[in-house]
C-alpha atoms as a PDB file:
ATOM      1  CA  MET A   1       0.000   0.000   0.000  1.00  0.00           C
ATOM      2  CA  GLU A   2       2.835   2.367   0.892  1.00  0.00           C
ATOM      3  CA  ALA A   3       4.497   1.565  -2.437  1.00  0.00           C
ATOM      4  CA  GLU A   4       1.264   2.370  -4.273  1.00  0.00           C
ATOM      5  CA  HIS A   5       1.033   5.739  -2.568  1.00  0.00           C
ATOM      6  CA  ARG A   6       4.656   6.474  -3.367  1.00  0.00           C
ATOM      7  CA  ASP A   7       4.014   5.599  -7.004  1.00  0.00           C
ATOM      8  CA  LYS A   8       0.911   7.821  -7.063  1.00  0.00           C
ATOM      9  CA  VAL A   9       2.781  10.684  -5.416  1.00  0.00           C
ATOM     10  CA  SER A  10       5.679  10.206  -7.808  1.00  0.00           C
ATOM     11  CA  GLY A  11       3.279  10.202 -10.770  1.00  0.00           C
ATOM     12  CA  MET A  12       1.513  13.290  -9.473  1.00  0.00           C
ATOM     13  CA  ARG A  13       4.838  15.010  -8.918  1.00  0.00           C
ATOM     14  CA  ALA A  14       5.843  14.277 -12.500  1.00  0.00           C
ATOM     15  CA  GLU A  15       2.476  15.522 -13.749  1.00  0.00           C
ATOM     16  CA  VAL A  16       2.831  18.743 -11.718  1.00  0.00           C
ATOM     17  CA  ASN A  17       6.325  19.251 -13.135  1.00  0.00           C
ATOM     18  CA  GLU A  18       5.021  18.750 -16.675  1.00  0.00           C
ATOM     19  CA  LEU A  19       2.181  21.219 -16.061  1.00  0.00           C
ATOM     20  CA  ARG A  20       4.591  23.718 -14.524  1.00  0.00           C
ATOM     21  CA  SER A  21       6.910  23.370 -17.506  1.00  0.00           C
ATOM     22  CA  ALA A  22       4.033  23.822 -19.949  1.00  0.00           C
ATOM     23  CA  PHE A  23       2.795  26.844 -17.976  1.00  0.00           C
ATOM     24  CA  ASP A  24       6.269  28.400 -17.963  1.00  0.00           C
ATOM     25  CA  GLY A  25       6.452  27.902 -21.718  1.00  0.00           C
ATOM     26  CA  ARG A  26       3.092  29.619 -22.181  1.00  0.00           C
ATOM     27  CA  VAL A  27       4.172  32.496 -19.941  1.00  0.00           C
ATOM     28  CA  GLN A  28       7.335  32.963 -22.003  1.00  0.00           C
ATOM     29  CA  GLU A  29       5.329  32.893 -25.234  1.00  0.00           C
ATOM     30  CA  PHE A  30       2.890  35.430 -23.797  1.00  0.00           C
ATOM     31  CA  LYS A  31       5.763  37.731 -22.800  1.00  0.00           C
ATOM     32  CA  ARG A  32       7.224  37.423 -26.289  1.00  0.00           C
ATOM     33  CA  GLN A  33       3.895  38.296 -27.884  1.00  0.00           C
ATOM     34  CA  VAL A  34       3.430  41.283 -25.555  1.00  0.00           C
ATOM     35  CA  ASP A  35       6.905  42.564 -26.466  1.00  0.00           C
ATOM     36  CA  GLU A  36       6.153  42.102 -30.167  1.00  0.00           C
ATOM     37  CA  PHE A  37       2.842  43.937 -29.760  1.00  0.00           C
ATOM     38  CA  LYS A  38       4.605  46.844 -28.037  1.00  0.00           C
ATOM     39  CA  LYS A  39       7.153  47.058 -30.844  1.00  0.00           C
ATOM     40  CA  ASN A  40       4.416  46.995 -33.483  1.00  0.00           C
ATOM     41  CA  ASN A  41       2.428  49.583 -31.555  1.00  0.00           C
ATOM     42  CA  GLU A  42       5.474  51.858 -31.358  1.00  0.00           C
ATOM     43  CA  ALA A  43       6.024  51.467 -35.095  1.00  0.00           C
ATOM     44  CA  ILE A  44       2.393  52.349 -35.781  1.00  0.00           C
ATOM     45  CA  GLU A  45       2.638  55.426 -33.558  1.00  0.00           C
ATOM     46  CA  ALA A  46       5.802  56.516 -35.376  1.00  0.00           C
ATOM     47  CA  LEU A  47       4.009  56.144 -38.721  1.00  0.00           C
ATOM     48  CA  LYS A  48       1.046  58.141 -37.436  1.00  0.00           C
ATOM     49  CA  LYS A  49       3.338  60.968 -36.296  1.00  0.00           C
ATOM     50  CA  ALA A  50       5.186  60.984 -39.618  1.00  0.00           C
ATOM     51  CA  HIS A  51       1.885  61.056 -41.488  1.00  0.00           C
ATOM     52  CA  ALA A  52       0.601  63.930 -39.357  1.00  0.00           C
ATOM     53  CA  LYS A  53       3.767  65.907 -40.111  1.00  0.00           C
ATOM     54  CA  GLU A  54       3.388  65.254 -43.845  1.00  0.00           C
ATOM     55  CA  ILE A  55      -0.248  66.350 -43.768  1.00  0.00           C
ATOM     56  CA  ALA A  56       0.630  69.519 -41.819  1.00  0.00           C
ATOM     57  CA  ALA A  57       3.360  70.370 -44.320  1.00  0.00           C
ATOM     58  CA  HIS A  58       0.982  69.760 -47.222  1.00  0.00           C
ATOM     59  CA  VAL A  59      -1.698  71.955 -45.638  1.00  0.00           C
ATOM     60  CA  GLN A  60       0.789  74.775 -45.060  1.00  0.00           C
ATOM     61  CA  GLU A  61       2.036  74.531 -48.637  1.00  0.00           C
ATOM     62  CA  SER A  62      -1.502  74.527 -50.016  1.00  0.00           C
ATOM     63  CA  ASN A  63      -2.468  77.500 -47.841  1.00  0.00           C
ATOM     64  CA  ALA A  64       0.564  79.443 -49.044  1.00  0.00           C
ATOM     65  CA  LYS A  65      -0.302  78.721 -52.689  1.00  0.00           C
ATOM     66  CA  TYR A  66      -3.918  79.728 -52.088  1.00  0.00           C
ATOM     67  CA  ASN A  67      -2.851  82.987 -50.435  1.00  0.00           C
ATOM     68  CA  VAL A  68      -0.618  83.804 -53.409  1.00  0.00           C
ATOM     69  CA  LEU A  69      -3.479  83.119 -55.828  1.00  0.00           C
ATOM     70  CA  VAL A  70      -5.911  85.271 -53.835  1.00  0.00           C
ATOM     71  CA  THR A  71      -3.377  88.095 -53.665  1.00  0.00           C
ATOM     72  CA  GLU A  72      -2.768  87.899 -57.421  1.00  0.00           C
ATOM     73  CA  LYS A  73      -6.509  87.898 -58.101  1.00  0.00           C
ATOM     74  CA  LEU A  74      -7.061  90.947 -55.890  1.00  0.00           C
ATOM     75  CA  GLU A  75      -4.178  92.777 -57.559  1.00  0.00           C
ATOM     76  CA  MET A  76      -5.600  91.967 -60.991  1.00  0.00           C
ATOM     77  CA  GLU A  77      -9.056  93.176 -59.917  1.00  0.00           C
ATOM     78  CA  ASP A  78      -7.555  96.397 -58.565  1.00  0.00           C
ATOM     79  CA  ALA A  79      -5.626  96.881 -61.803  1.00  0.00           C
ATOM     80  CA  LEU A  80      -8.766  96.335 -63.871  1.00  0.00           C
ATOM     81  CA  LYS A  81     -10.770  98.727 -61.684  1.00  0.00           C
ATOM     82  CA  ALA A  82      -8.041 101.349 -61.962  1.00  0.00           C
ATOM     83  CA  LYS A  83      -7.876 100.930 -65.723  1.00  0.00           C
ATOM     84  CA  HIS A  84     -11.633 101.202 -66.157  1.00  0.00           C
ATOM     85  CA  SER A  85     -12.048 104.093 -63.755  1.00  0.00           C
ATOM     86  CA  VAL A  86      -9.454 106.110 -65.661  1.00  0.00           C
ATOM     87  CA  ASP A  87     -11.210 105.426 -68.973  1.00  0.00           C
ATOM     88  CA  ILE A  88     -14.566 106.613 -67.683  1.00  0.00           C
END
């Protein structure tokens, strides 16, 4: 009877060790996946920041072009008004 109990305890001990080993492996895999997720998340954030900078630069450039066009249009209108007011 004592031998049976020792065998059962030994078997249970081996089973616990196997479960612990499997659990440790899963924990390591989880840590690896979390690290990979953080790296990917950082890369995504860097891309978002770069994109925001590109958009801001594009908006500024477009606004500058628009301002030049509006200024040119107003100058042309003023020139036309001056020309026509002199003729009248």
